[in-house]
C-alpha atoms as a PDB file:
ATOM      1  CA  MET A   1     104.169 103.676  45.922  1.00  0.00           C
ATOM      2  CA  ALA A   2     101.121 101.062  47.446  1.00  0.00           C
ATOM      3  CA  ASP A   3      99.579 102.076  50.562  1.00  0.00           C
ATOM      4  CA  PHE A   4      99.457  99.554  53.159  1.00  0.00           C
ATOM      5  CA  PHE A   5      97.287  99.958  56.709  1.00  0.00           C
ATOM      6  CA  GLU A   6      99.190 100.465  59.847  1.00  0.00           C
ATOM      7  CA  PHE A   7      97.233  97.117  60.985  1.00  0.00           C
ATOM      8  CA  GLU A   8      99.342  95.468  58.453  1.00  0.00           C
ATOM      9  CA  ALA A   9     102.579  96.902  59.912  1.00  0.00           C
ATOM     10  CA  ASP A  10     103.615  93.708  61.718  1.00  0.00           C
ATOM     11  CA  PHE A  11     104.211  91.737  58.087  1.00  0.00           C
ATOM     12  CA  VAL A  12     104.687  94.861  55.195  1.00  0.00           C
ATOM     13  CA  ASP A  13     108.132  94.599  55.204  1.00  0.00           C
ATOM     14  CA  SER A  14     108.870  90.752  54.417  1.00  0.00           C
ATOM     15  CA  LEU A  15     105.128  90.911  53.027  1.00  0.00           C
ATOM     16  CA  ARG A  16     104.900  87.224  54.661  1.00  0.00           C
ATOM     17  CA  CYS A  17     100.945  87.515  54.867  1.00  0.00           C
ATOM     18  CA  ILE A  18      98.650  88.930  51.485  1.00  0.00           C
ATOM     19  CA  PRO A  19      98.076  92.111  52.114  1.00  0.00           C
ATOM     20  CA  MET A  20      94.379  93.801  52.004  1.00  0.00           C
ATOM     21  CA  GLN A  21      95.060  95.581  48.601  1.00  0.00           C
ATOM     22  CA  VAL A  22      96.138  92.196  47.186  1.00  0.00           C
ATOM     23  CA  ARG A  23      93.091  90.493  49.006  1.00  0.00           C
ATOM     24  CA  TYR A  24      90.741  93.099  47.330  1.00  0.00           C
ATOM     25  CA  LYS A  25      92.494  92.478  44.143  1.00  0.00           C
ATOM     26  CA  LEU A  26      91.916  88.617  44.229  1.00  0.00           C
ATOM     27  CA  ASP A  27      88.080  89.312  44.879  1.00  0.00           C
ATOM     28  CA  THR A  28      87.883  91.840  41.999  1.00  0.00           C
ATOM     29  CA  CYS A  29      89.815  89.017  39.660  1.00  0.00           C
ATOM     30  CA  GLY A  30      88.317  85.564  41.160  1.00  0.00           C
ATOM     31  CA  ILE A  31      91.338  83.842  41.969  1.00  0.00           C
ATOM     32  CA  LYS A  32      91.703  82.424  45.080  1.00  0.00           C
ATOM     33  CA  LEU A  33      95.162  82.502  46.601  1.00  0.00           C
ATOM     34  CA  LYS A  34      96.428  80.255  49.232  1.00  0.00           C
ATOM     35  CA  LEU A  35      98.862  81.220  51.963  1.00  0.00           C
ATOM     36  CA  SER A  36     100.978  78.425  50.656  1.00  0.00           C
ATOM     37  CA  HIS A  37     101.276  79.916  47.421  1.00  0.00           C
ATOM     38  CA  TRP A  38     102.052  83.346  48.255  1.00  0.00           C
ATOM     39  CA  HIS A  39     105.110  81.779  50.110  1.00  0.00           C
ATOM     40  CA  GLN A  40     106.621  80.112  47.331  1.00  0.00           C
ATOM     41  CA  MET A  41     106.553  83.383  45.568  1.00  0.00           C
ATOM     42  CA  THR A  42     109.430  85.848  45.890  1.00  0.00           C
ATOM     43  CA  GLU A  43     109.770  89.062  47.413  1.00  0.00           C
ATOM     44  CA  ASP A  44     109.743  90.573  43.882  1.00  0.00           C
ATOM     45  CA  GLU A  45     107.017  88.572  42.861  1.00  0.00           C
ATOM     46  CA  ARG A  46     104.935  89.609  46.080  1.00  0.00           C
ATOM     47  CA  ALA A  47     105.651  93.694  45.925  1.00  0.00           C
ATOM     48  CA  ALA A  48     104.824  93.323  41.897  1.00  0.00           C
ATOM     49  CA  LEU A  49     101.021  91.738  42.970  1.00  0.00           C
ATOM     50  CA  VAL A  50     100.889  94.631  45.213  1.00  0.00           C
ATOM     51  CA  GLU A  51     101.856  97.248  42.835  1.00  0.00           C
ATOM     52  CA  LEU A  52      99.655  95.861  39.546  1.00  0.00           C
ATOM     53  CA  PRO A  53      96.825  97.581  38.942  1.00  0.00           C
ATOM     54  CA  CYS A  54      93.448  95.637  38.685  1.00  0.00           C
ATOM     55  CA  SER A  55      90.658  97.999  38.326  1.00  0.00           C
ATOM     56  CA  THR A  56      89.667  98.627  35.010  1.00  0.00           C
ATOM     57  CA  GLU A  57      87.994  96.003  32.472  1.00  0.00           C
ATOM     58  CA  THR A  58      91.684  95.737  30.966  1.00  0.00           C
ATOM     59  CA  GLU A  59      93.449  95.596  34.247  1.00  0.00           C
ATOM     60  CA  ILE A  60      91.564  92.316  35.690  1.00  0.00           C
ATOM     61  CA  PRO A  61      92.108  90.051  32.893  1.00  0.00           C
ATOM     62  CA  VAL A  62      95.791  90.774  32.894  1.00  0.00           C
ATOM     63  CA  TYR A  63      96.445  90.549  36.322  1.00  0.00           C
ATOM     64  CA  GLN A  64      94.741  87.473  36.885  1.00  0.00           C
ATOM     65  CA  GLU A  65      96.090  86.032  33.748  1.00  0.00           C
ATOM     66  CA  TYR A  66      99.326  86.959  35.336  1.00  0.00           C
ATOM     67  CA  LEU A  67      98.816  85.827  38.733  1.00  0.00           C
ATOM     68  CA  GLN A  68      97.623  82.192  37.303  1.00  0.00           C
ATOM     69  CA  GLN A  69     100.592  81.981  35.322  1.00  0.00           C
ATOM     70  CA  LEU A  70     102.898  82.853  38.323  1.00  0.00           C
ATOM     71  CA  ILE A  71     101.135  80.243  40.446  1.00  0.00           C
ATOM     72  CA  LEU A  72     101.263  77.655  38.096  1.00  0.00           C
ATOM     73  CA  GLU A  73     104.614  78.422  37.614  1.00  0.00           C
ATOM     74  CA  ARG A  74     105.371  77.721  41.423  1.00  0.00           C
ATOM     75  CA  THR A  75     103.012  75.031  42.369  1.00  0.00           C
ATOM     76  CA  GLY A  76     102.492  72.909  38.909  1.00  0.00           C
ATOM     77  CA  SER A  77      98.818  73.663  38.749  1.00  0.00           C
ATOM     78  CA  PRO A  78      96.685  76.876  38.892  1.00  0.00           C
ATOM     79  CA  ALA A  79      94.882  78.367  41.202  1.00  0.00           C
ATOM     80  CA  ALA A  80      91.037  78.123  41.953  1.00  0.00           C
ATOM     81  CA  GLN A  81      88.867  80.395  40.597  1.00  0.00           C
ATOM     82  CA  ILE A  82      85.890  82.203  42.882  1.00  0.00           C
ATOM     83  CA  PRO A  83      82.632  83.606  42.182  1.00  0.00           C
ATOM     84  CA  ILE A  84      83.059  87.721  41.128  1.00  0.00           C
ATOM     85  CA  ASP A  85      80.136  89.757  42.973  1.00  0.00           C
ATOM     86  CA  ALA A  86      78.814  92.346  40.604  1.00  0.00           C
ATOM     87  CA  TYR A  87      77.983  94.685  43.728  1.00  0.00           C
ATOM     88  CA  PRO A  88      80.243  93.486  46.181  1.00  0.00           C
ATOM     89  CA  LEU A  89      79.163  94.854  50.221  1.00  0.00           C
ATOM     90  CA  TRP A  90      82.186  97.007  50.216  1.00  0.00           C
ATOM     91  CA  MET A  91      80.558  99.001  47.130  1.00  0.00           C
ATOM     92  CA  ASP A  92      77.574  99.901  48.800  1.00  0.00           C
ATOM     93  CA  ALA A  93      78.192 102.890  51.133  1.00  0.00           C
ATOM     94  CA  GLY A  94      74.293 103.213  51.586  1.00  0.00           C
ATOM     95  CA  SER A  95      74.237 100.038  54.151  1.00  0.00           C
ATOM     96  CA  VAL A  96      76.552  99.162  56.740  1.00  0.00           C
ATOM     97  CA  PRO A  97      76.906  95.410  56.608  1.00  0.00           C
ATOM     98  CA  ALA A  98      75.516  93.358  59.920  1.00  0.00           C
ATOM     99  CA  SER A  99      78.583  91.453  60.130  1.00  0.00           C
ATOM    100  CA  ILE A 100      80.400  94.824  60.902  1.00  0.00           C
ATOM    101  CA  GLN A 101      77.788  96.098  62.678  1.00  0.00           C
ATOM    102  CA  GLU A 102      78.090  92.621  64.893  1.00  0.00           C
ATOM    103  CA  LYS A 103      81.716  93.452  64.909  1.00  0.00           C
ATOM    104  CA  ALA A 104      81.354  96.666  66.149  1.00  0.00           C
ATOM    105  CA  GLN A 105      79.120  95.774  68.777  1.00  0.00           C
ATOM    106  CA  GLU A 106      81.742  93.076  70.430  1.00  0.00           C
ATOM    107  CA  MET A 107      83.564  96.536  70.672  1.00  0.00           C
ATOM    108  CA  GLY A 108      80.983  98.324  73.168  1.00  0.00           C
ATOM    109  CA  THR A 109      80.436 100.075  69.999  1.00  0.00           C
ATOM    110  CA  SER A 110      78.877 100.547  66.399  1.00  0.00           C
ATOM    111  CA  LEU A 111      79.232 102.233  63.051  1.00  0.00           C
ATOM    112  CA  THR A 112      76.982 105.036  62.238  1.00  0.00           C
ATOM    113  CA  LEU A 113      75.974 104.984  58.178  1.00  0.00           C
ATOM    114  CA  LEU A 114      77.918 109.096  57.698  1.00  0.00           C
ATOM    115  CA  GLN A 115      80.937 107.091  58.834  1.00  0.00           C
ATOM    116  CA  TRP A 116      80.736 103.872  56.947  1.00  0.00           C
ATOM    117  CA  SER A 117      80.023 105.837  53.664  1.00  0.00           C
ATOM    118  CA  SER A 118      82.870 108.084  54.266  1.00  0.00           C
ATOM    119  CA  LEU A 119      85.470 105.101  54.395  1.00  0.00           C
ATOM    120  CA  THR A 120      87.180 104.084  51.245  1.00  0.00           C
ATOM    121  CA  LEU A 121      86.438 101.069  48.935  1.00  0.00           C
ATOM    122  CA  LEU A 122      89.777  99.584  50.432  1.00  0.00           C
ATOM    123  CA  GLN A 123      88.707 100.384  53.936  1.00  0.00           C
ATOM    124  CA  ARG A 124      85.211  98.923  53.400  1.00  0.00           C
ATOM    125  CA  PHE A 125      86.700  95.982  52.255  1.00  0.00           C
ATOM    126  CA  ALA A 126      89.106  95.613  55.220  1.00  0.00           C
ATOM    127  CA  LEU A 127      86.232  95.854  57.546  1.00  0.00           C
ATOM    128  CA  ILE A 128      84.200  93.218  55.826  1.00  0.00           C
ATOM    129  CA  LYS A 129      86.787  90.707  55.535  1.00  0.00           C
ATOM    130  CA  LEU A 130      88.281  91.437  59.046  1.00  0.00           C
ATOM    131  CA  SER A 131      84.368  91.004  60.475  1.00  0.00           C
ATOM    132  CA  ARG A 132      83.865  87.289  59.178  1.00  0.00           C
ATOM    133  CA  PRO A 133      83.402  84.776  61.979  1.00  0.00           C
ATOM    134  CA  GLY A 134      86.675  82.963  62.909  1.00  0.00           C
ATOM    135  CA  HIS A 135      88.631  86.008  61.460  1.00  0.00           C
ATOM    136  CA  GLU A 136      91.413  87.720  63.834  1.00  0.00           C
ATOM    137  CA  ASN A 137      89.239  89.954  66.172  1.00  0.00           C
ATOM    138  CA  LYS A 138      92.428  92.681  66.782  1.00  0.00           C
ATOM    139  CA  ASN A 139      92.793  93.386  63.613  1.00  0.00           C
ATOM    140  CA  PHE A 140      89.551  94.469  63.044  1.00  0.00           C
ATOM    141  CA  SER A 141      89.780  97.128  66.352  1.00  0.00           C
ATOM    142  CA  ARG A 142      93.297  97.796  65.667  1.00  0.00           C
ATOM    143  CA  ALA A 143      91.476  98.680  61.904  1.00  0.00           C
ATOM    144  CA  MET A 144      88.365 100.729  63.751  1.00  0.00           C
ATOM    145  CA  ALA A 145      90.616 103.006  65.746  1.00  0.00           C
ATOM    146  CA  GLU A 146      92.676 103.377  62.724  1.00  0.00           C
ATOM    147  CA  PHE A 147      89.910 104.814  60.553  1.00  0.00           C
ATOM    148  CA  ASN A 148      88.950 106.710  63.577  1.00  0.00           C
ATOM    149  CA  LEU A 149      85.521 105.083  64.057  1.00  0.00           C
ATOM    150  CA  VAL A 150      86.370 104.454  67.417  1.00  0.00           C
ATOM    151  CA  ASP A 151      87.002 107.170  70.598  1.00  0.00           C
END
């Protein structure tokens, strides 16, 4: 069973939005999945994308091929590919990204290196995605609270 974050609770039942664990897999396999593509999939197909593994050298191309085939069947054209970062920021437990610190400061708090390094890869990934310019701020603060990073 897949684990979802509490800040995703308002859309997880229907999977109307792309959950963080799928977004993580998309970055891992280098596919740009549009929300419009996601909406063209059945609920079972979306659930499969949540459940399918995508972390080893064997699993990543299988996930990528499955997803590309699914998008091709639904839209008539393949999804755009994005570069795969060999060592993305969320893999670095030894340095808190500036974007995270900036967003935390907007909330009147900060993140220590100990706090950052104690997070899971998926938690660090989520905070990085939620701290990007133009992203909905409410989920960043909700994630910070969920991860016990604010009082």
